[in-house]
Amino acid sequence: MEIINNELLNQIQEAKKGKQSAFKYLLDGFWNLVYGYQIKSVKNEYDAEDITIETFSKAFDKIETFDENYAFGTWLIAISKNI
């Protein structure tokens, strides 16, 4: 289970306000989690990268719907699974 620390929570809240540096923080912090999940799932680097990019695109478009009572990484993986 992921623990949402104060910095992560702050960055999520800033992303909800549209701050670009917060999106970069989240992308940098969670890219390997999503990409790693997809590489194991699809077993193709190019497809895994495409799905990971699409995952972050969808997540960032809907960041305001993220419930901070849940783990951000789990939310990203759920989006990624649905792609």
PDB file of N, CA and C in Angstrom:
ATOM      1  N   MET A   1       0.838  -1.182   0.000  1.00  0.00           N
ATOM      2  CA  MET A   1       0.000   0.000   0.000  1.00  0.00           C
ATOM      3  C   MET A   1       0.880   1.241   0.000  1.00  0.00           C
ATOM      4  N   GLU A   2       0.546   2.160  -0.835  1.00  0.00           N
ATOM      5  CA  GLU A   2       1.301   3.396  -0.956  1.00  0.00           C
ATOM      6  C   GLU A   2       0.885   4.376   0.134  1.00  0.00           C
ATOM      7  N   ILE A   3       1.851   4.973   0.744  1.00  0.00           N
ATOM      8  CA  ILE A   3       1.563   5.998   1.738  1.00  0.00           C
ATOM      9  C   ILE A   3       1.685   7.356   1.065  1.00  0.00           C
ATOM     10  N   ILE A   4       0.641   8.154   1.160  1.00  0.00           N
ATOM     11  CA  ILE A   4       0.698   9.485   0.567  1.00  0.00           C
ATOM     12  C   ILE A   4       1.359  10.411   1.577  1.00  0.00           C
ATOM     13  N   ASN A   5       2.586  10.825   1.268  1.00  0.00           N
ATOM     14  CA  ASN A   5       3.280  11.742   2.162  1.00  0.00           C
ATOM     15  C   ASN A   5       2.842  13.172   1.851  1.00  0.00           C
ATOM     16  N   ASN A   6       3.274  14.081   2.682  1.00  0.00           N
ATOM     17  CA  ASN A   6       2.852  15.473   2.526  1.00  0.00           C
ATOM     18  C   ASN A   6       3.271  16.061   1.185  1.00  0.00           C
ATOM     19  N   GLU A   7       4.476  15.747   0.733  1.00  0.00           N
ATOM     20  CA  GLU A   7       4.955  16.293  -0.542  1.00  0.00           C
ATOM     21  C   GLU A   7       4.115  15.771  -1.708  1.00  0.00           C
ATOM     22  N   LEU A   8       3.840  14.481  -1.709  1.00  0.00           N
ATOM     23  CA  LEU A   8       3.020  13.903  -2.775  1.00  0.00           C
ATOM     24  C   LEU A   8       1.624  14.508  -2.760  1.00  0.00           C
ATOM     25  N   LEU A   9       1.040  14.609  -1.600  1.00  0.00           N
ATOM     26  CA  LEU A   9      -0.295  15.196  -1.474  1.00  0.00           C
ATOM     27  C   LEU A   9      -0.296  16.638  -1.972  1.00  0.00           C
ATOM     28  N   ASN A  10       0.724  17.381  -1.602  1.00  0.00           N
ATOM     29  CA  ASN A  10       0.856  18.768  -2.057  1.00  0.00           C
ATOM     30  C   ASN A  10       0.954  18.838  -3.584  1.00  0.00           C
ATOM     31  N   GLN A  11       1.750  17.956  -4.173  1.00  0.00           N
ATOM     32  CA  GLN A  11       1.918  17.965  -5.630  1.00  0.00           C
ATOM     33  C   GLN A  11       0.620  17.581  -6.344  1.00  0.00           C
ATOM     34  N   ILE A  12      -0.119  16.643  -5.793  1.00  0.00           N
ATOM     35  CA  ILE A  12      -1.417  16.265  -6.378  1.00  0.00           C
ATOM     36  C   ILE A  12      -2.364  17.464  -6.335  1.00  0.00           C
ATOM     37  N   GLN A  13      -2.383  18.152  -5.209  1.00  0.00           N
ATOM     38  CA  GLN A  13      -3.252  19.326  -5.078  1.00  0.00           C
ATOM     39  C   GLN A  13      -2.837  20.429  -6.046  1.00  0.00           C
ATOM     40  N   GLU A  14      -1.532  20.607  -6.232  1.00  0.00           N
ATOM     41  CA  GLU A  14      -1.045  21.605  -7.187  1.00  0.00           C
ATOM     42  C   GLU A  14      -1.392  21.205  -8.623  1.00  0.00           C
ATOM     43  N   ALA A  15      -1.307  19.915  -8.923  1.00  0.00           N
ATOM     44  CA  ALA A  15      -1.681  19.435 -10.261  1.00  0.00           C
ATOM     45  C   ALA A  15      -3.165  19.697 -10.523  1.00  0.00           C
ATOM     46  N   LYS A  16      -3.976  19.517  -9.499  1.00  0.00           N
ATOM     47  CA  LYS A  16      -5.408  19.792  -9.643  1.00  0.00           C
ATOM     48  C   LYS A  16      -5.668  21.258  -9.969  1.00  0.00           C
ATOM     49  N   LYS A  17      -4.733  22.126  -9.594  1.00  0.00           N
ATOM     50  CA  LYS A  17      -4.831  23.551  -9.902  1.00  0.00           C
ATOM     51  C   LYS A  17      -4.204  23.882 -11.264  1.00  0.00           C
ATOM     52  N   GLY A  18      -3.603  22.866 -11.907  1.00  0.00           N
ATOM     53  CA  GLY A  18      -3.022  23.060 -13.227  1.00  0.00           C
ATOM     54  C   GLY A  18      -1.552  23.422 -13.256  1.00  0.00           C
ATOM     55  N   LYS A  19      -0.860  23.288 -12.145  1.00  0.00           N
ATOM     56  CA  LYS A  19       0.558  23.649 -12.090  1.00  0.00           C
ATOM     57  C   LYS A  19       1.404  22.601 -12.826  1.00  0.00           C
ATOM     58  N   GLN A  20       2.120  23.045 -13.861  1.00  0.00           N
ATOM     59  CA  GLN A  20       2.889  22.137 -14.717  1.00  0.00           C
ATOM     60  C   GLN A  20       4.004  21.415 -13.973  1.00  0.00           C
ATOM     61  N   SER A  21       4.659  22.082 -13.043  1.00  0.00           N
ATOM     62  CA  SER A  21       5.750  21.430 -12.316  1.00  0.00           C
ATOM     63  C   SER A  21       5.225  20.273 -11.463  1.00  0.00           C
ATOM     64  N   ALA A  22       3.984  20.362 -11.023  1.00  0.00           N
ATOM     65  CA  ALA A  22       3.384  19.267 -10.253  1.00  0.00           C
ATOM     66  C   ALA A  22       3.139  18.053 -11.151  1.00  0.00           C
ATOM     67  N   PHE A  23       2.703  18.296 -12.380  1.00  0.00           N
ATOM     68  CA  PHE A  23       2.512  17.188 -13.325  1.00  0.00           C
ATOM     69  C   PHE A  23       3.843  16.500 -13.599  1.00  0.00           C
ATOM     70  N   LYS A  24       4.897  17.293 -13.761  1.00  0.00           N
ATOM     71  CA  LYS A  24       6.227  16.718 -14.001  1.00  0.00           C
ATOM     72  C   LYS A  24       6.668  15.873 -12.810  1.00  0.00           C
ATOM     73  N   TYR A  25       6.433  16.363 -11.603  1.00  0.00           N
ATOM     74  CA  TYR A  25       6.772  15.623 -10.388  1.00  0.00           C
ATOM     75  C   TYR A  25       6.063  14.272 -10.374  1.00  0.00           C
ATOM     76  N   LEU A  26       4.772  14.269 -10.688  1.00  0.00           N
ATOM     77  CA  LEU A  26       3.989  13.029 -10.682  1.00  0.00           C
ATOM     78  C   LEU A  26       4.437  12.084 -11.797  1.00  0.00           C
ATOM     79  N   LEU A  27       4.695  12.638 -12.970  1.00  0.00           N
ATOM     80  CA  LEU A  27       5.166  11.821 -14.088  1.00  0.00           C
ATOM     81  C   LEU A  27       6.506  11.174 -13.753  1.00  0.00           C
ATOM     82  N   ASP A  28       7.437  11.979 -13.261  1.00  0.00           N
ATOM     83  CA  ASP A  28       8.763  11.453 -12.911  1.00  0.00           C
ATOM     84  C   ASP A  28       8.681  10.421 -11.784  1.00  0.00           C
ATOM     85  N   GLY A  29       7.810  10.665 -10.834  1.00  0.00           N
ATOM     86  CA  GLY A  29       7.704   9.787  -9.674  1.00  0.00           C
ATOM     87  C   GLY A  29       7.000   8.473  -9.929  1.00  0.00           C
ATOM     88  N   PHE A  30       6.119   8.432 -10.932  1.00  0.00           N
ATOM     89  CA  PHE A  30       5.298   7.239 -11.135  1.00  0.00           C
ATOM     90  C   PHE A  30       5.474   6.577 -12.501  1.00  0.00           C
ATOM     91  N   TRP A  31       6.325   7.154 -13.355  1.00  0.00           N
ATOM     92  CA  TRP A  31       6.544   6.571 -14.686  1.00  0.00           C
ATOM     93  C   TRP A  31       6.982   5.111 -14.581  1.00  0.00           C
ATOM     94  N   ASN A  32       7.993   4.828 -13.767  1.00  0.00           N
ATOM     95  CA  ASN A  32       8.534   3.467 -13.680  1.00  0.00           C
ATOM     96  C   ASN A  32       7.505   2.466 -13.165  1.00  0.00           C
ATOM     97  N   LEU A  33       6.635   2.899 -12.273  1.00  0.00           N
ATOM     98  CA  LEU A  33       5.584   2.019 -11.754  1.00  0.00           C
ATOM     99  C   LEU A  33       4.657   1.574 -12.889  1.00  0.00           C
ATOM    100  N   VAL A  34       4.159   2.534 -13.646  1.00  0.00           N
ATOM    101  CA  VAL A  34       3.204   2.222 -14.720  1.00  0.00           C
ATOM    102  C   VAL A  34       3.904   1.484 -15.860  1.00  0.00           C
ATOM    103  N   TYR A  35       5.063   1.968 -16.268  1.00  0.00           N
ATOM    104  CA  TYR A  35       5.801   1.325 -17.359  1.00  0.00           C
ATOM    105  C   TYR A  35       6.181  -0.106 -16.969  1.00  0.00           C
ATOM    106  N   GLY A  36       6.642  -0.288 -15.754  1.00  0.00           N
ATOM    107  CA  GLY A  36       7.011  -1.626 -15.283  1.00  0.00           C
ATOM    108  C   GLY A  36       5.830  -2.576 -15.297  1.00  0.00           C
ATOM    109  N   TYR A  37       4.680  -2.083 -14.875  1.00  0.00           N
ATOM    110  CA  TYR A  37       3.463  -2.900 -14.914  1.00  0.00           C
ATOM    111  C   TYR A  37       3.134  -3.289 -16.353  1.00  0.00           C
ATOM    112  N   GLN A  38       3.205  -2.345 -17.258  1.00  0.00           N
ATOM    113  CA  GLN A  38       2.840  -2.613 -18.648  1.00  0.00           C
ATOM    114  C   GLN A  38       3.852  -3.505 -19.364  1.00  0.00           C
ATOM    115  N   ILE A  39       5.125  -3.340 -19.077  1.00  0.00           N
ATOM    116  CA  ILE A  39       6.133  -4.176 -19.741  1.00  0.00           C
ATOM    117  C   ILE A  39       5.929  -5.634 -19.356  1.00  0.00           C
ATOM    118  N   LYS A  40       5.528  -5.878 -18.107  1.00  0.00           N
ATOM    119  CA  LYS A  40       5.227  -7.244 -17.679  1.00  0.00           C
ATOM    120  C   LYS A  40       3.949  -7.755 -18.330  1.00  0.00           C
ATOM    121  N   SER A  41       3.027  -6.854 -18.561  1.00  0.00           N
ATOM    122  CA  SER A  41       1.725  -7.229 -19.109  1.00  0.00           C
ATOM    123  C   SER A  41       1.779  -7.475 -20.616  1.00  0.00           C
ATOM    124  N   VAL A  42       2.342  -6.522 -21.361  1.00  0.00           N
ATOM    125  CA  VAL A  42       2.299  -6.627 -22.834  1.00  0.00           C
ATOM    126  C   VAL A  42       3.572  -7.209 -23.434  1.00  0.00           C
ATOM    127  N   LYS A  43       4.659  -7.233 -22.638  1.00  0.00           N
ATOM    128  CA  LYS A  43       5.942  -7.814 -23.068  1.00  0.00           C
ATOM    129  C   LYS A  43       6.479  -7.210 -24.371  1.00  0.00           C
ATOM    130  N   ASN A  44       6.237  -5.905 -24.543  1.00  0.00           N
ATOM    131  CA  ASN A  44       6.723  -5.193 -25.710  1.00  0.00           C
ATOM    132  C   ASN A  44       7.036  -3.760 -25.276  1.00  0.00           C
ATOM    133  N   GLU A  45       8.284  -3.349 -25.441  1.00  0.00           N
ATOM    134  CA  GLU A  45       8.717  -2.033 -24.952  1.00  0.00           C
ATOM    135  C   GLU A  45       7.931  -0.889 -25.582  1.00  0.00           C
ATOM    136  N   TYR A  46       7.697  -0.966 -26.885  1.00  0.00           N
ATOM    137  CA  TYR A  46       7.013   0.126 -27.587  1.00  0.00           C
ATOM    138  C   TYR A  46       5.558   0.232 -27.159  1.00  0.00           C
ATOM    139  N   ASP A  47       4.887  -0.903 -27.062  1.00  0.00           N
ATOM    140  CA  ASP A  47       3.491  -0.893 -26.611  1.00  0.00           C
ATOM    141  C   ASP A  47       3.392  -0.428 -25.155  1.00  0.00           C
ATOM    142  N   ALA A  48       4.320  -0.890 -24.318  1.00  0.00           N
ATOM    143  CA  ALA A  48       4.315  -0.487 -22.909  1.00  0.00           C
ATOM    144  C   ALA A  48       4.504   1.023 -22.778  1.00  0.00           C
ATOM    145  N   GLU A  49       5.403   1.571 -23.585  1.00  0.00           N
ATOM    146  CA  GLU A  49       5.634   3.015 -23.546  1.00  0.00           C
ATOM    147  C   GLU A  49       4.404   3.778 -24.029  1.00  0.00           C
ATOM    148  N   ASP A  50       3.800   3.333 -25.104  1.00  0.00           N
ATOM    149  CA  ASP A  50       2.596   3.992 -25.622  1.00  0.00           C
ATOM    150  C   ASP A  50       1.465   3.970 -24.602  1.00  0.00           C
ATOM    151  N   ILE A  51       1.261   2.829 -23.974  1.00  0.00           N
ATOM    152  CA  ILE A  51       0.194   2.700 -22.976  1.00  0.00           C
ATOM    153  C   ILE A  51       0.502   3.573 -21.764  1.00  0.00           C
ATOM    154  N   THR A  52       1.759   3.632 -21.376  1.00  0.00           N
ATOM    155  CA  THR A  52       2.148   4.459 -20.234  1.00  0.00           C
ATOM    156  C   THR A  52       1.891   5.936 -20.526  1.00  0.00           C
ATOM    157  N   ILE A  53       2.252   6.378 -21.700  1.00  0.00           N
ATOM    158  CA  ILE A  53       1.988   7.766 -22.101  1.00  0.00           C
ATOM    159  C   ILE A  53       0.488   8.050 -22.089  1.00  0.00           C
ATOM    160  N   GLU A  54      -0.292   7.143 -22.645  1.00  0.00           N
ATOM    161  CA  GLU A  54      -1.738   7.313 -22.670  1.00  0.00           C
ATOM    162  C   GLU A  54      -2.322   7.315 -21.252  1.00  0.00           C
ATOM    163  N   THR A  55      -1.764   6.491 -20.384  1.00  0.00           N
ATOM    164  CA  THR A  55      -2.215   6.442 -18.992  1.00  0.00           C
ATOM    165  C   THR A  55      -2.052   7.806 -18.334  1.00  0.00           C
ATOM    166  N   PHE A  56      -0.873   8.390 -18.458  1.00  0.00           N
ATOM    167  CA  PHE A  56      -0.636   9.690 -17.831  1.00  0.00           C
ATOM    168  C   PHE A  56      -1.477  10.785 -18.487  1.00  0.00           C
ATOM    169  N   SER A  57      -1.671  10.699 -19.765  1.00  0.00           N
ATOM    170  CA  SER A  57      -2.519  11.680 -20.451  1.00  0.00           C
ATOM    171  C   SER A  57      -3.943  11.644 -19.892  1.00  0.00           C
ATOM    172  N   LYS A  58      -4.495  10.451 -19.777  1.00  0.00           N
ATOM    173  CA  LYS A  58      -5.857  10.310 -19.238  1.00  0.00           C
ATOM    174  C   LYS A  58      -5.912  10.715 -17.770  1.00  0.00           C
ATOM    175  N   ALA A  59      -4.914  10.301 -16.990  1.00  0.00           N
ATOM    176  CA  ALA A  59      -4.896  10.633 -15.566  1.00  0.00           C
ATOM    177  C   ALA A  59      -4.822  12.146 -15.367  1.00  0.00           C
ATOM    178  N   PHE A  60      -3.969  12.804 -16.127  1.00  0.00           N
ATOM    179  CA  PHE A  60      -3.811  14.242 -15.946  1.00  0.00           C
ATOM    180  C   PHE A  60      -5.036  15.007 -16.437  1.00  0.00           C
ATOM    181  N   ASP A  61      -5.713  14.482 -17.451  1.00  0.00           N
ATOM    182  CA  ASP A  61      -6.959  15.110 -17.907  1.00  0.00           C
ATOM    183  C   ASP A  61      -8.047  15.023 -16.840  1.00  0.00           C
ATOM    184  N   LYS A  62      -7.994  13.970 -16.022  1.00  0.00           N
ATOM    185  CA  LYS A  62      -9.030  13.722 -15.011  1.00  0.00           C
ATOM    186  C   LYS A  62      -8.494  13.835 -13.581  1.00  0.00           C
ATOM    187  N   ILE A  63      -7.382  14.543 -13.399  1.00  0.00           N
ATOM    188  CA  ILE A  63      -6.738  14.614 -12.087  1.00  0.00           C
ATOM    189  C   ILE A  63      -7.689  15.132 -11.010  1.00  0.00           C
ATOM    190  N   GLU A  64      -8.623  15.982 -11.394  1.00  0.00           N
ATOM    191  CA  GLU A  64      -9.544  16.537 -10.390  1.00  0.00           C
ATOM    192  C   GLU A  64     -10.469  15.481  -9.804  1.00  0.00           C
ATOM    193  N   THR A  65     -10.598  14.325 -10.458  1.00  0.00           N
ATOM    194  CA  THR A  65     -11.459  13.252  -9.944  1.00  0.00           C
ATOM    195  C   THR A  65     -10.725  12.328  -8.977  1.00  0.00           C
ATOM    196  N   PHE A  66      -9.405  12.490  -8.852  1.00  0.00           N
ATOM    197  CA  PHE A  66      -8.644  11.623  -7.957  1.00  0.00           C
ATOM    198  C   PHE A  66      -9.030  11.891  -6.513  1.00  0.00           C
ATOM    199  N   ASP A  67      -9.392  10.835  -5.793  1.00  0.00           N
ATOM    200  CA  ASP A  67      -9.745  10.909  -4.375  1.00  0.00           C
ATOM    201  C   ASP A  67      -8.479  10.686  -3.557  1.00  0.00           C
ATOM    202  N   GLU A  68      -8.067  11.682  -2.819  1.00  0.00           N
ATOM    203  CA  GLU A  68      -6.814  11.642  -2.079  1.00  0.00           C
ATOM    204  C   GLU A  68      -6.818  10.662  -0.907  1.00  0.00           C
ATOM    205  N   ASN A  69      -7.939  10.011  -0.663  1.00  0.00           N
ATOM    206  CA  ASN A  69      -8.003   8.960   0.359  1.00  0.00           C
ATOM    207  C   ASN A  69      -7.460   7.635  -0.169  1.00  0.00           C
ATOM    208  N   TYR A  70      -7.162   7.577  -1.450  1.00  0.00           N
ATOM    209  CA  TYR A  70      -6.663   6.353  -2.080  1.00  0.00           C
ATOM    210  C   TYR A  70      -5.240   6.566  -2.573  1.00  0.00           C
ATOM    211  N   ALA A  71      -4.570   5.474  -2.895  1.00  0.00           N
ATOM    212  CA  ALA A  71      -3.185   5.534  -3.366  1.00  0.00           C
ATOM    213  C   ALA A  71      -3.137   6.002  -4.814  1.00  0.00           C
ATOM    214  N   PHE A  72      -2.305   6.994  -5.077  1.00  0.00           N
ATOM    215  CA  PHE A  72      -2.183   7.557  -6.417  1.00  0.00           C
ATOM    216  C   PHE A  72      -1.660   6.506  -7.407  1.00  0.00           C
ATOM    217  N   GLY A  73      -0.679   5.725  -6.993  1.00  0.00           N
ATOM    218  CA  GLY A  73      -0.120   4.688  -7.864  1.00  0.00           C
ATOM    219  C   GLY A  73      -1.154   3.650  -8.259  1.00  0.00           C
ATOM    220  N   THR A  74      -1.998   3.278  -7.322  1.00  0.00           N
ATOM    221  CA  THR A  74      -3.060   2.310  -7.604  1.00  0.00           C
ATOM    222  C   THR A  74      -4.055   2.881  -8.608  1.00  0.00           C
ATOM    223  N   TRP A  75      -4.362   4.161  -8.462  1.00  0.00           N
ATOM    224  CA  TRP A  75      -5.264   4.836  -9.398  1.00  0.00           C
ATOM    225  C   TRP A  75      -4.670   4.820 -10.813  1.00  0.00           C
ATOM    226  N   LEU A  76      -3.378   5.112 -10.922  1.00  0.00           N
ATOM    227  CA  LEU A  76      -2.721   5.079 -12.234  1.00  0.00           C
ATOM    228  C   LEU A  76      -2.741   3.679 -12.844  1.00  0.00           C
ATOM    229  N   ILE A  77      -2.473   2.671 -12.046  1.00  0.00           N
ATOM    230  CA  ILE A  77      -2.477   1.289 -12.554  1.00  0.00           C
ATOM    231  C   ILE A  77      -3.875   0.910 -13.022  1.00  0.00           C
ATOM    232  N   ALA A  78      -4.909   1.328 -12.303  1.00  0.00           N
ATOM    233  CA  ALA A  78      -6.281   1.035 -12.721  1.00  0.00           C
ATOM    234  C   ALA A  78      -6.570   1.672 -14.076  1.00  0.00           C
ATOM    235  N   ILE A  79      -6.127   2.901 -14.277  1.00  0.00           N
ATOM    236  CA  ILE A  79      -6.299   3.554 -15.580  1.00  0.00           C
ATOM    237  C   ILE A  79      -5.545   2.784 -16.639  1.00  0.00           C
ATOM    238  N   SER A  80      -4.320   2.408 -16.318  1.00  0.00           N
ATOM    239  CA  SER A  80      -3.455   1.688 -17.256  1.00  0.00           C
ATOM    240  C   SER A  80      -4.066   0.336 -17.663  1.00  0.00           C
ATOM    241  N   LYS A  81      -4.650  -0.359 -16.704  1.00  0.00           N
ATOM    242  CA  LYS A  81      -5.293  -1.647 -16.996  1.00  0.00           C
ATOM    243  C   LYS A  81      -6.435  -1.473 -17.979  1.00  0.00           C
ATOM    244  N   ASN A  82      -7.157  -0.379 -17.837  1.00  0.00           N
ATOM    245  CA  ASN A  82      -8.326  -0.151 -18.691  1.00  0.00           C
ATOM    246  C   ASN A  82      -7.941   0.263 -20.120  1.00  0.00           C
ATOM    247  N   ILE A  83      -6.719   0.657 -20.309  1.00  0.00           N
ATOM    248  CA  ILE A  83      -6.266   0.998 -21.661  1.00  0.00           C
ATOM    249  C   ILE A  83      -5.880  -0.268 -22.375  1.00  0.00           C
TER     250      ILE A  83
END
